[in-house]
C-alpha cells in the first residue's frame, strides 16, 4: 500500500511554520519522514502519522485515543507512535502532533 499523499501534503504545508529550522523530508519505510537537524520528528507510513515522542512521553502518548505502537518490522520502536486518521483529522490536532515530534527532535544532538 502506498502512503497517504494527502496527509504528507498537509504536513509539508504545516512545516512552513518551522522554516527557521533545518528540516529535511526523505522517502523512507515506504512513506516519507521529516527530519530536524538529521533526527526524525514525524512522517507518514501508509495512512498513519508517525510521531517521535521520546521515551519519557511514550506511555503517556500511547494512553491517548487514536495512538498505537510504531512497529513495521516486528520490533516496536519505543518512543515512536502511530496516530490513526481520527487523531489527526483536524488541522489543530495534526499541528500539535507535528510540533511534539519537532520539539523532541530538537532535544537531540544534531546529526
PDB file of N, CA and C in Angstrom:
ATOM      1  N   UNK A   1       0.843  -1.188   0.000  1.00  0.00           N
ATOM      2  CA  UNK A   1       0.000   0.000   0.000  1.00  0.00           C
ATOM      3  C   UNK A   1       0.887   1.250   0.000  1.00  0.00           C
ATOM      4  N   UNK A   2       0.557   2.171  -0.846  1.00  0.00           N
ATOM      5  CA  UNK A   2       1.274   3.448  -0.878  1.00  0.00           C
ATOM      6  C   UNK A   2       0.898   4.273   0.347  1.00  0.00           C
ATOM      7  N   UNK A   3       1.696   5.277   0.610  1.00  0.00           N
ATOM      8  CA  UNK A   3       1.390   6.121   1.770  1.00  0.00           C
ATOM      9  C   UNK A   3       0.383   7.203   1.394  1.00  0.00           C
ATOM     10  N   UNK A   4      -0.243   7.785   2.397  1.00  0.00           N
ATOM     11  CA  UNK A   4      -1.270   8.814   2.220  1.00  0.00           C
ATOM     12  C   UNK A   4      -0.612  10.126   1.795  1.00  0.00           C
ATOM     13  N   UNK A   5      -0.654  10.393   0.512  1.00  0.00           N
ATOM     14  CA  UNK A   5      -0.018  11.605  -0.018  1.00  0.00           C
ATOM     15  C   UNK A   5      -0.745  12.869   0.422  1.00  0.00           C
ATOM     16  N   UNK A   6      -2.042  12.767   0.692  1.00  0.00           N
ATOM     17  CA  UNK A   6      -2.785  13.916   1.208  1.00  0.00           C
ATOM     18  C   UNK A   6      -2.288  14.318   2.588  1.00  0.00           C
ATOM     19  N   UNK A   7      -2.052  13.337   3.438  1.00  0.00           N
ATOM     20  CA  UNK A   7      -1.500  13.613   4.759  1.00  0.00           C
ATOM     21  C   UNK A   7      -0.097  14.183   4.626  1.00  0.00           C
ATOM     22  N   UNK A   8       0.694  13.610   3.740  1.00  0.00           N
ATOM     23  CA  UNK A   8       2.054  14.116   3.529  1.00  0.00           C
ATOM     24  C   UNK A   8       2.026  15.578   3.092  1.00  0.00           C
ATOM     25  N   UNK A   9       1.094  15.924   2.216  1.00  0.00           N
ATOM     26  CA  UNK A   9       0.965  17.312   1.762  1.00  0.00           C
ATOM     27  C   UNK A   9       0.571  18.224   2.917  1.00  0.00           C
ATOM     28  N   UNK A  10      -0.372  17.791   3.739  1.00  0.00           N
ATOM     29  CA  UNK A  10      -0.788  18.605   4.890  1.00  0.00           C
ATOM     30  C   UNK A  10       0.388  18.870   5.817  1.00  0.00           C
ATOM     31  N   UNK A  11       1.206  17.848   6.050  1.00  0.00           N
ATOM     32  CA  UNK A  11       2.376  18.023   6.913  1.00  0.00           C
ATOM     33  C   UNK A  11       3.338  19.018   6.289  1.00  0.00           C
ATOM     34  N   UNK A  12       3.621  18.860   5.005  1.00  0.00           N
ATOM     35  CA  UNK A  12       4.536  19.780   4.314  1.00  0.00           C
ATOM     36  C   UNK A  12       4.048  21.227   4.445  1.00  0.00           C
ATOM     37  N   UNK A  13       2.764  21.437   4.293  1.00  0.00           N
ATOM     38  CA  UNK A  13       2.202  22.779   4.424  1.00  0.00           C
ATOM     39  C   UNK A  13       2.401  23.334   5.837  1.00  0.00           C
ATOM     40  N   UNK A  14       2.259  22.490   6.834  1.00  0.00           N
ATOM     41  CA  UNK A  14       2.427  22.943   8.218  1.00  0.00           C
ATOM     42  C   UNK A  14       3.889  23.162   8.575  1.00  0.00           C
ATOM     43  N   UNK A  15       4.780  22.439   7.938  1.00  0.00           N
ATOM     44  CA  UNK A  15       6.203  22.599   8.226  1.00  0.00           C
ATOM     45  C   UNK A  15       6.714  23.976   7.814  1.00  0.00           C
ATOM     46  N   UNK A  16       5.985  24.669   6.977  1.00  0.00           N
ATOM     47  CA  UNK A  16       6.346  26.039   6.599  1.00  0.00           C
ATOM     48  C   UNK A  16       6.425  26.924   7.846  1.00  0.00           C
ATOM     49  N   UNK A  17       5.608  26.595   8.849  1.00  0.00           N
ATOM     50  CA  UNK A  17       5.621  27.361  10.102  1.00  0.00           C
ATOM     51  C   UNK A  17       6.938  27.224  10.860  1.00  0.00           C
ATOM     52  N   UNK A  18       7.746  26.255  10.474  1.00  0.00           N
ATOM     53  CA  UNK A  18       9.012  25.998  11.144  1.00  0.00           C
ATOM     54  C   UNK A  18      10.179  26.263  10.191  1.00  0.00           C
ATOM     55  N   UNK A  19      10.021  27.255   9.322  1.00  0.00           N
ATOM     56  CA  UNK A  19      11.006  27.499   8.256  1.00  0.00           C
ATOM     57  C   UNK A  19      12.373  27.959   8.763  1.00  0.00           C
ATOM     58  N   UNK A  20      12.477  28.307  10.018  1.00  0.00           N
ATOM     59  CA  UNK A  20      13.785  28.697  10.550  1.00  0.00           C
ATOM     60  C   UNK A  20      14.602  27.474  10.990  1.00  0.00           C
ATOM     61  N   UNK A  21      13.972  26.308  10.985  1.00  0.00           N
ATOM     62  CA  UNK A  21      14.654  25.082  11.403  1.00  0.00           C
ATOM     63  C   UNK A  21      15.232  24.353  10.201  1.00  0.00           C
ATOM     64  N   UNK A  22      16.204  23.512  10.459  1.00  0.00           N
ATOM     65  CA  UNK A  22      16.813  22.679   9.433  1.00  0.00           C
ATOM     66  C   UNK A  22      15.970  21.409   9.283  1.00  0.00           C
ATOM     67  N   UNK A  23      14.927  21.473   8.436  1.00  0.00           N
ATOM     68  CA  UNK A  23      14.019  20.349   8.235  1.00  0.00           C
ATOM     69  C   UNK A  23      14.251  19.766   6.846  1.00  0.00           C
ATOM     70  N   UNK A  24      14.392  18.449   6.808  1.00  0.00           N
ATOM     71  CA  UNK A  24      14.581  17.732   5.552  1.00  0.00           C
ATOM     72  C   UNK A  24      13.518  16.647   5.456  1.00  0.00           C
ATOM     73  N   UNK A  25      12.932  16.490   4.285  1.00  0.00           N
ATOM     74  CA  UNK A  25      11.962  15.429   4.045  1.00  0.00           C
ATOM     75  C   UNK A  25      12.624  14.357   3.193  1.00  0.00           C
ATOM     76  N   UNK A  26      12.424  13.091   3.595  1.00  0.00           N
ATOM     77  CA  UNK A  26      13.047  11.966   2.895  1.00  0.00           C
ATOM     78  C   UNK A  26      12.044  10.842   2.717  1.00  0.00           C
ATOM     79  N   UNK A  27      12.129  10.168   1.589  1.00  0.00           N
ATOM     80  CA  UNK A  27      11.355   8.944   1.389  1.00  0.00           C
ATOM     81  C   UNK A  27      12.014   7.865   2.242  1.00  0.00           C
ATOM     82  N   UNK A  28      11.226   7.193   3.059  1.00  0.00           N
ATOM     83  CA  UNK A  28      11.739   6.113   3.899  1.00  0.00           C
ATOM     84  C   UNK A  28      10.601   5.214   4.338  1.00  0.00           C
ATOM     85  N   UNK A  29      10.916   3.977   4.669  1.00  0.00           N
ATOM     86  CA  UNK A  29       9.971   2.950   5.124  1.00  0.00           C
ATOM     87  C   UNK A  29       8.672   2.932   4.315  1.00  0.00           C
ATOM     88  N   UNK A  30       8.771   3.124   3.002  1.00  0.00           N
ATOM     89  CA  UNK A  30       7.594   3.108   2.144  1.00  0.00           C
ATOM     90  C   UNK A  30       6.719   4.324   2.303  1.00  0.00           C
ATOM     91  N   UNK A  31       7.230   5.354   2.925  1.00  0.00           N
ATOM     92  CA  UNK A  31       6.477   6.581   3.138  1.00  0.00           C
ATOM     93  C   UNK A  31       7.411   7.763   3.054  1.00  0.00           C
ATOM     94  N   UNK A  32       7.179   8.720   3.923  1.00  0.00           N
ATOM     95  CA  UNK A  32       8.032   9.908   3.962  1.00  0.00           C
ATOM     96  C   UNK A  32       8.283  10.273   5.414  1.00  0.00           C
ATOM     97  N   UNK A  33       9.513  10.702   5.692  1.00  0.00           N
ATOM     98  CA  UNK A  33       9.870  11.131   7.028  1.00  0.00           C
ATOM     99  C   UNK A  33      10.366  12.565   7.003  1.00  0.00           C
ATOM    100  N   UNK A  34      10.176  13.267   8.089  1.00  0.00           N
ATOM    101  CA  UNK A  34      10.618  14.659   8.213  1.00  0.00           C
ATOM    102  C   UNK A  34      11.618  14.715   9.367  1.00  0.00           C
ATOM    103  N   UNK A  35      12.823  15.160   9.034  1.00  0.00           N
ATOM    104  CA  UNK A  35      13.920  15.181   9.986  1.00  0.00           C
ATOM    105  C   UNK A  35      14.277  16.616  10.349  1.00  0.00           C
ATOM    106  N   UNK A  36      14.586  16.821  11.616  1.00  0.00           N
ATOM    107  CA  UNK A  36      15.041  18.113  12.109  1.00  0.00           C
ATOM    108  C   UNK A  36      16.481  17.919  12.570  1.00  0.00           C
ATOM    109  N   UNK A  37      17.389  18.664  11.965  1.00  0.00           N
ATOM    110  CA  UNK A  37      18.816  18.524  12.274  1.00  0.00           C
ATOM    111  C   UNK A  37      19.282  17.071  12.154  1.00  0.00           C
ATOM    112  N   UNK A  38      18.691  16.347  11.216  1.00  0.00           N
ATOM    113  CA  UNK A  38      19.070  14.967  10.969  1.00  0.00           C
ATOM    114  C   UNK A  38      18.362  13.941  11.821  1.00  0.00           C
ATOM    115  N   UNK A  39      17.491  14.360  12.723  1.00  0.00           N
ATOM    116  CA  UNK A  39      16.745  13.455  13.595  1.00  0.00           C
ATOM    117  C   UNK A  39      15.283  13.405  13.183  1.00  0.00           C
ATOM    118  N   UNK A  40      14.765  12.202  13.054  1.00  0.00           N
ATOM    119  CA  UNK A  40      13.374  12.020  12.667  1.00  0.00           C
ATOM    120  C   UNK A  40      12.445  12.672  13.684  1.00  0.00           C
ATOM    121  N   UNK A  41      11.458  13.426  13.174  1.00  0.00           N
ATOM    122  CA  UNK A  41      10.467  14.072  14.031  1.00  0.00           C
ATOM    123  C   UNK A  41       9.079  13.480  13.801  1.00  0.00           C
ATOM    124  N   UNK A  42       8.710  13.332  12.528  1.00  0.00           N
ATOM    125  CA  UNK A  42       7.394  12.815  12.191  1.00  0.00           C
ATOM    126  C   UNK A  42       7.430  12.304  10.758  1.00  0.00           C
ATOM    127  N   UNK A  43       6.355  11.666  10.354  1.00  0.00           N
ATOM    128  CA  UNK A  43       6.300  11.167   8.989  1.00  0.00           C
ATOM    129  C   UNK A  43       4.984  10.490   8.711  1.00  0.00           C
ATOM    130  N   UNK A  44       4.941   9.841   7.558  1.00  0.00           N
ATOM    131  CA  UNK A  44       3.743   9.141   7.112  1.00  0.00           C
ATOM    132  C   UNK A  44       4.139   7.725   6.700  1.00  0.00           C
ATOM    133  N   UNK A  45       3.404   6.749   7.203  1.00  0.00           N
ATOM    134  CA  UNK A  45       3.543   5.353   6.800  1.00  0.00           C
ATOM    135  C   UNK A  45       2.142   4.836   6.538  1.00  0.00           C
ATOM    136  N   UNK A  46       1.883   4.410   5.315  1.00  0.00           N
ATOM    137  CA  UNK A  46       0.539   4.003   4.883  1.00  0.00           C
ATOM    138  C   UNK A  46      -0.407   5.176   5.145  1.00  0.00           C
ATOM    139  N   UNK A  47      -1.440   4.965   5.948  1.00  0.00           N
ATOM    140  CA  UNK A  47      -2.338   6.092   6.256  1.00  0.00           C
ATOM    141  C   UNK A  47      -2.179   6.537   7.708  1.00  0.00           C
ATOM    142  N   UNK A  48      -1.030   6.231   8.280  1.00  0.00           N
ATOM    143  CA  UNK A  48      -0.744   6.618   9.653  1.00  0.00           C
ATOM    144  C   UNK A  48       0.243   7.775   9.714  1.00  0.00           C
ATOM    145  N   UNK A  49       0.023   8.635  10.675  1.00  0.00           N
ATOM    146  CA  UNK A  49       1.004   9.646  11.046  1.00  0.00           C
ATOM    147  C   UNK A  49       1.964   8.978  12.020  1.00  0.00           C
ATOM    148  N   UNK A  50       3.243   9.174  11.821  1.00  0.00           N
ATOM    149  CA  UNK A  50       4.261   8.662  12.733  1.00  0.00           C
ATOM    150  C   UNK A  50       4.831   9.864  13.479  1.00  0.00           C
ATOM    151  N   UNK A  51       4.938   9.740  14.786  1.00  0.00           N
ATOM    152  CA  UNK A  51       5.479  10.838  15.589  1.00  0.00           C
ATOM    153  C   UNK A  51       6.510  10.268  16.554  1.00  0.00           C
ATOM    154  N   UNK A  52       7.652  10.910  16.595  1.00  0.00           N
ATOM    155  CA  UNK A  52       8.689  10.532  17.548  1.00  0.00           C
ATOM    156  C   UNK A  52       8.504  11.386  18.791  1.00  0.00           C
ATOM    157  N   UNK A  53       8.072  10.760  19.870  1.00  0.00           N
ATOM    158  CA  UNK A  53       7.739  11.491  21.092  1.00  0.00           C
ATOM    159  C   UNK A  53       8.783  11.321  22.187  1.00  0.00           C
ATOM    160  N   UNK A  54       9.677  10.361  22.027  1.00  0.00           N
ATOM    161  CA  UNK A  54      10.715  10.121  23.018  1.00  0.00           C
ATOM    162  C   UNK A  54      10.283   9.145  24.089  1.00  0.00           C
ATOM    163  N   UNK A  55      11.246   8.562  24.788  1.00  0.00           N
ATOM    164  CA  UNK A  55      10.929   7.536  25.783  1.00  0.00           C
ATOM    165  C   UNK A  55      10.169   8.058  27.001  1.00  0.00           C
ATOM    166  N   UNK A  56      10.396   9.316  27.396  1.00  0.00           N
ATOM    167  CA  UNK A  56       9.731   9.821  28.593  1.00  0.00           C
ATOM    168  C   UNK A  56       8.240  10.069  28.381  1.00  0.00           C
ATOM    169  N   UNK A  57       7.851  10.518  27.199  1.00  0.00           N
ATOM    170  CA  UNK A  57       6.443  10.805  26.912  1.00  0.00           C
ATOM    171  C   UNK A  57       5.716   9.611  26.299  1.00  0.00           C
ATOM    172  N   UNK A  58       6.459   8.560  26.007  1.00  0.00           N
ATOM    173  CA  UNK A  58       5.938   7.424  25.237  1.00  0.00           C
ATOM    174  C   UNK A  58       4.650   6.836  25.823  1.00  0.00           C
ATOM    175  N   UNK A  59       4.673   6.403  27.066  1.00  0.00           N
ATOM    176  CA  UNK A  59       3.491   5.749  27.637  1.00  0.00           C
ATOM    177  C   UNK A  59       2.315   6.707  27.746  1.00  0.00           C
ATOM    178  N   UNK A  60       2.580   7.935  28.127  1.00  0.00           N
ATOM    179  CA  UNK A  60       1.505   8.930  28.219  1.00  0.00           C
ATOM    180  C   UNK A  60       0.836   9.130  26.861  1.00  0.00           C
ATOM    181  N   UNK A  61       1.624   9.189  25.807  1.00  0.00           N
ATOM    182  CA  UNK A  61       1.066   9.370  24.466  1.00  0.00           C
ATOM    183  C   UNK A  61       0.308   8.119  24.032  1.00  0.00           C
ATOM    184  N   UNK A  62       0.834   6.947  24.355  1.00  0.00           N
ATOM    185  CA  UNK A  62       0.128   5.709  24.000  1.00  0.00           C
ATOM    186  C   UNK A  62      -1.217   5.587  24.704  1.00  0.00           C
ATOM    187  N   UNK A  63      -1.386   6.249  25.828  1.00  0.00           N
ATOM    188  CA  UNK A  63      -2.657   6.214  26.550  1.00  0.00           C
ATOM    189  C   UNK A  63      -3.712   7.108  25.903  1.00  0.00           C
ATOM    190  N   UNK A  64      -3.315   7.925  24.931  1.00  0.00           N
ATOM    191  CA  UNK A  64      -4.264   8.800  24.237  1.00  0.00           C
ATOM    192  C   UNK A  64      -5.031   8.009  23.192  1.00  0.00           C
ATOM    193  N   UNK A  65      -6.218   8.505  22.884  1.00  0.00           N
ATOM    194  CA  UNK A  65      -7.014   7.905  21.808  1.00  0.00           C
ATOM    195  C   UNK A  65      -6.265   8.003  20.486  1.00  0.00           C
ATOM    196  N   UNK A  66      -6.500   7.028  19.634  1.00  0.00           N
ATOM    197  CA  UNK A  66      -6.024   7.029  18.247  1.00  0.00           C
ATOM    198  C   UNK A  66      -4.522   6.828  18.099  1.00  0.00           C
ATOM    199  N   UNK A  67      -3.833   6.407  19.164  1.00  0.00           N
ATOM    200  CA  UNK A  67      -2.395   6.162  19.050  1.00  0.00           C
ATOM    201  C   UNK A  67      -2.102   4.681  19.258  1.00  0.00           C
ATOM    202  N   UNK A  68      -1.000   4.238  18.684  1.00  0.00           N
ATOM    203  CA  UNK A  68      -0.549   2.859  18.890  1.00  0.00           C
ATOM    204  C   UNK A  68       0.962   2.808  18.735  1.00  0.00           C
ATOM    205  N   UNK A  69       1.521   1.673  19.086  1.00  0.00           N
ATOM    206  CA  UNK A  69       2.953   1.436  18.991  1.00  0.00           C
ATOM    207  C   UNK A  69       3.362   1.466  17.523  1.00  0.00           C
ATOM    208  N   UNK A  70       4.485   2.085  17.231  1.00  0.00           N
ATOM    209  CA  UNK A  70       5.035   2.092  15.872  1.00  0.00           C
ATOM    210  C   UNK A  70       5.851   0.822  15.696  1.00  0.00           C
ATOM    211  N   UNK A  71       5.361  -0.065  14.841  1.00  0.00           N
ATOM    212  CA  UNK A  71       6.020  -1.356  14.628  1.00  0.00           C
ATOM    213  C   UNK A  71       5.771  -1.799  13.191  1.00  0.00           C
ATOM    214  N   UNK A  72       6.767  -1.626  12.339  1.00  0.00           N
ATOM    215  CA  UNK A  72       6.627  -2.091  10.959  1.00  0.00           C
ATOM    216  C   UNK A  72       7.568  -3.254  10.651  1.00  0.00           C
ATOM    217  N   UNK A  73       8.380  -3.648  11.643  1.00  0.00           N
ATOM    218  CA  UNK A  73       9.363  -4.695  11.415  1.00  0.00           C
ATOM    219  C   UNK A  73       9.189  -5.885  12.346  1.00  0.00           C
ATOM    220  N   UNK A  74       8.204  -5.838  13.249  1.00  0.00           N
ATOM    221  CA  UNK A  74       8.063  -6.877  14.252  1.00  0.00           C
ATOM    222  C   UNK A  74       8.794  -6.539  15.538  1.00  0.00           C
ATOM    223  N   UNK A  75       9.467  -5.391  15.543  1.00  0.00           N
ATOM    224  CA  UNK A  75      10.166  -4.909  16.741  1.00  0.00           C
ATOM    225  C   UNK A  75       9.664  -3.492  17.026  1.00  0.00           C
ATOM    226  N   UNK A  76       8.783  -3.334  18.011  1.00  0.00           N
ATOM    227  CA  UNK A  76       8.256  -1.995  18.321  1.00  0.00           C
ATOM    228  C   UNK A  76       9.383  -1.011  18.612  1.00  0.00           C
ATOM    229  N   UNK A  77       9.184   0.222  18.164  1.00  0.00           N
ATOM    230  CA  UNK A  77      10.178   1.271  18.386  1.00  0.00           C
ATOM    231  C   UNK A  77       9.721   2.153  19.543  1.00  0.00           C
ATOM    232  N   UNK A  78      10.317   1.955  20.700  1.00  0.00           N
ATOM    233  CA  UNK A  78       9.979   2.741  21.885  1.00  0.00           C
ATOM    234  C   UNK A  78      10.276   4.209  21.617  1.00  0.00           C
ATOM    235  N   UNK A  79       9.323   5.050  21.975  1.00  0.00           N
ATOM    236  CA  UNK A  79       9.486   6.487  21.770  1.00  0.00           C
ATOM    237  C   UNK A  79       8.863   6.978  20.476  1.00  0.00           C
ATOM    238  N   UNK A  80       8.334   6.054  19.694  1.00  0.00           N
ATOM    239  CA  UNK A  80       7.678   6.399  18.433  1.00  0.00           C
ATOM    240  C   UNK A  80       6.255   5.858  18.483  1.00  0.00           C
ATOM    241  N   UNK A  81       5.296   6.627  17.979  1.00  0.00           N
ATOM    242  CA  UNK A  81       3.905   6.175  17.933  1.00  0.00           C
ATOM    243  C   UNK A  81       3.328   6.411  16.547  1.00  0.00           C
ATOM    244  N   UNK A  82       2.274   5.670  16.260  1.00  0.00           N
ATOM    245  CA  UNK A  82       1.475   5.959  15.077  1.00  0.00           C
ATOM    246  C   UNK A  82       0.158   6.549  15.560  1.00  0.00           C
ATOM    247  N   UNK A  83      -0.376   7.425  14.750  1.00  0.00           N
ATOM    248  CA  UNK A  83      -1.648   8.080  15.047  1.00  0.00           C
ATOM    249  C   UNK A  83      -2.567   7.790  13.879  1.00  0.00           C
ATOM    250  N   UNK A  84      -3.750   7.240  14.161  1.00  0.00           N
ATOM    251  CA  UNK A  84      -4.660   6.947  13.063  1.00  0.00           C
ATOM    252  C   UNK A  84      -5.398   8.213  12.623  1.00  0.00           C
ATOM    253  N   UNK A  85      -6.113   8.121  11.522  1.00  0.00           N
ATOM    254  CA  UNK A  85      -6.712   9.291  10.866  1.00  0.00           C
ATOM    255  C   UNK A  85      -7.607  10.118  11.793  1.00  0.00           C
ATOM    256  N   UNK A  86      -8.341   9.476  12.685  1.00  0.00           N
ATOM    257  CA  UNK A  86      -9.204  10.236  13.596  1.00  0.00           C
ATOM    258  C   UNK A  86      -8.396  11.115  14.545  1.00  0.00           C
ATOM    259  N   UNK A  87      -7.157  10.763  14.788  1.00  0.00           N
ATOM    260  CA  UNK A  87      -6.306  11.519  15.702  1.00  0.00           C
ATOM    261  C   UNK A  87      -5.635  12.727  15.079  1.00  0.00           C
ATOM    262  N   UNK A  88      -5.651  12.823  13.753  1.00  0.00           N
ATOM    263  CA  UNK A  88      -5.048  13.984  13.082  1.00  0.00           C
ATOM    264  C   UNK A  88      -5.998  14.629  12.078  1.00  0.00           C
ATOM    265  N   UNK A  89      -7.277  14.326  12.214  1.00  0.00           N
ATOM    266  CA  UNK A  89      -8.274  14.843  11.275  1.00  0.00           C
ATOM    267  C   UNK A  89      -8.291  16.373  11.237  1.00  0.00           C
ATOM    268  N   UNK A  90      -8.304  17.009  12.393  1.00  0.00           N
ATOM    269  CA  UNK A  90      -8.326  18.473  12.406  1.00  0.00           C
ATOM    270  C   UNK A  90      -6.915  19.010  12.213  1.00  0.00           C
ATOM    271  N   UNK A  91      -6.826  20.183  11.640  1.00  0.00           N
ATOM    272  CA  UNK A  91      -5.521  20.818  11.453  1.00  0.00           C
ATOM    273  C   UNK A  91      -4.853  21.107  12.792  1.00  0.00           C
ATOM    274  N   UNK A  92      -5.638  21.475  13.790  1.00  0.00           N
ATOM    275  CA  UNK A  92      -5.065  21.743  15.115  1.00  0.00           C
ATOM    276  C   UNK A  92      -4.431  20.490  15.709  1.00  0.00           C
ATOM    277  N   UNK A  93      -5.130  19.355  15.569  1.00  0.00           N
ATOM    278  CA  UNK A  93      -4.578  18.103  16.087  1.00  0.00           C
ATOM    279  C   UNK A  93      -3.304  17.721  15.338  1.00  0.00           C
ATOM    280  N   UNK A  94      -3.332  17.810  14.017  1.00  0.00           N
ATOM    281  CA  UNK A  94      -2.152  17.470  13.231  1.00  0.00           C
ATOM    282  C   UNK A  94      -0.981  18.373  13.584  1.00  0.00           C
ATOM    283  N   UNK A  95      -1.236  19.662  13.694  1.00  0.00           N
ATOM    284  CA  UNK A  95      -0.170  20.603  14.045  1.00  0.00           C
ATOM    285  C   UNK A  95       0.414  20.273  15.416  1.00  0.00           C
ATOM    286  N   UNK A  96      -0.443  19.909  16.362  1.00  0.00           N
ATOM    287  CA  UNK A  96       0.028  19.543  17.697  1.00  0.00           C
ATOM    288  C   UNK A  96       0.956  18.342  17.663  1.00  0.00           C
ATOM    289  N   UNK A  97       0.615  17.339  16.878  1.00  0.00           N
ATOM    290  CA  UNK A  97       1.476  16.163  16.746  1.00  0.00           C
ATOM    291  C   UNK A  97       2.808  16.526  16.089  1.00  0.00           C
ATOM    292  N   UNK A  98       2.744  17.306  15.030  1.00  0.00           N
ATOM    293  CA  UNK A  98       3.974  17.713  14.340  1.00  0.00           C
ATOM    294  C   UNK A  98       4.873  18.485  15.301  1.00  0.00           C
ATOM    295  N   UNK A  99       4.280  19.400  16.033  1.00  0.00           N
ATOM    296  CA  UNK A  99       5.050  20.212  16.980  1.00  0.00           C
ATOM    297  C   UNK A  99       5.682  19.328  18.059  1.00  0.00           C
ATOM    298  N   UNK A 100       4.961  18.330  18.548  1.00  0.00           N
ATOM    299  CA  UNK A 100       5.520  17.444  19.557  1.00  0.00           C
ATOM    300  C   UNK A 100       6.719  16.684  18.994  1.00  0.00           C
ATOM    301  N   UNK A 101       6.599  16.187  17.772  1.00  0.00           N
ATOM    302  CA  UNK A 101       7.721  15.484  17.150  1.00  0.00           C
ATOM    303  C   UNK A 101       8.914  16.391  16.926  1.00  0.00           C
ATOM    304  N   UNK A 102       8.664  17.599  16.474  1.00  0.00           N
ATOM    305  CA  UNK A 102       9.753  18.553  16.246  1.00  0.00           C
ATOM    306  C   UNK A 102      10.438  18.911  17.563  1.00  0.00           C
ATOM    307  N   UNK A 103       9.646  19.156  18.596  1.00  0.00           N
ATOM    308  CA  UNK A 103      10.237  19.501  19.889  1.00  0.00           C
ATOM    309  C   UNK A 103      11.132  18.382  20.415  1.00  0.00           C
ATOM    310  N   UNK A 104      10.706  17.119  20.222  1.00  0.00           N
ATOM    311  CA  UNK A 104      11.569  16.040  20.668  1.00  0.00           C
ATOM    312  C   UNK A 104      12.837  15.975  19.824  1.00  0.00           C
ATOM    313  N   UNK A 105      12.699  16.085  18.516  1.00  0.00           N
ATOM    314  CA  UNK A 105      13.882  16.045  17.636  1.00  0.00           C
ATOM    315  C   UNK A 105      14.860  17.151  17.978  1.00  0.00           C
ATOM    316  N   UNK A 106      14.357  18.320  18.343  1.00  0.00           N
ATOM    317  CA  UNK A 106      15.237  19.427  18.725  1.00  0.00           C
ATOM    318  C   UNK A 106      15.991  19.163  20.017  1.00  0.00           C
ATOM    319  N   UNK A 107      15.497  18.248  20.837  1.00  0.00           N
ATOM    320  CA  UNK A 107      16.164  17.934  22.096  1.00  0.00           C
ATOM    321  C   UNK A 107      17.361  16.995  21.906  1.00  0.00           C
ATOM    322  N   UNK A 108      17.504  16.469  20.704  1.00  0.00           N
ATOM    323  CA  UNK A 108      18.576  15.514  20.413  1.00  0.00           C
ATOM    324  C   UNK A 108      19.786  16.221  19.813  1.00  0.00           C
ATOM    325  N   UNK A 109      20.965  15.622  19.952  1.00  0.00           N
ATOM    326  CA  UNK A 109      22.140  16.201  19.301  1.00  0.00           C
ATOM    327  C   UNK A 109      21.975  16.208  17.780  1.00  0.00           C
ATOM    328  N   UNK A 110      22.469  17.245  17.154  1.00  0.00           N
ATOM    329  CA  UNK A 110      22.388  17.352  15.702  1.00  0.00           C
ATOM    330  C   UNK A 110      23.246  16.255  15.065  1.00  0.00           C
ATOM    331  N   UNK A 111      22.728  15.704  13.976  1.00  0.00           N
ATOM    332  CA  UNK A 111      23.480  14.667  13.238  1.00  0.00           C
ATOM    333  C   UNK A 111      24.172  15.294  12.047  1.00  0.00           C
TER     334      UNK A 111
END
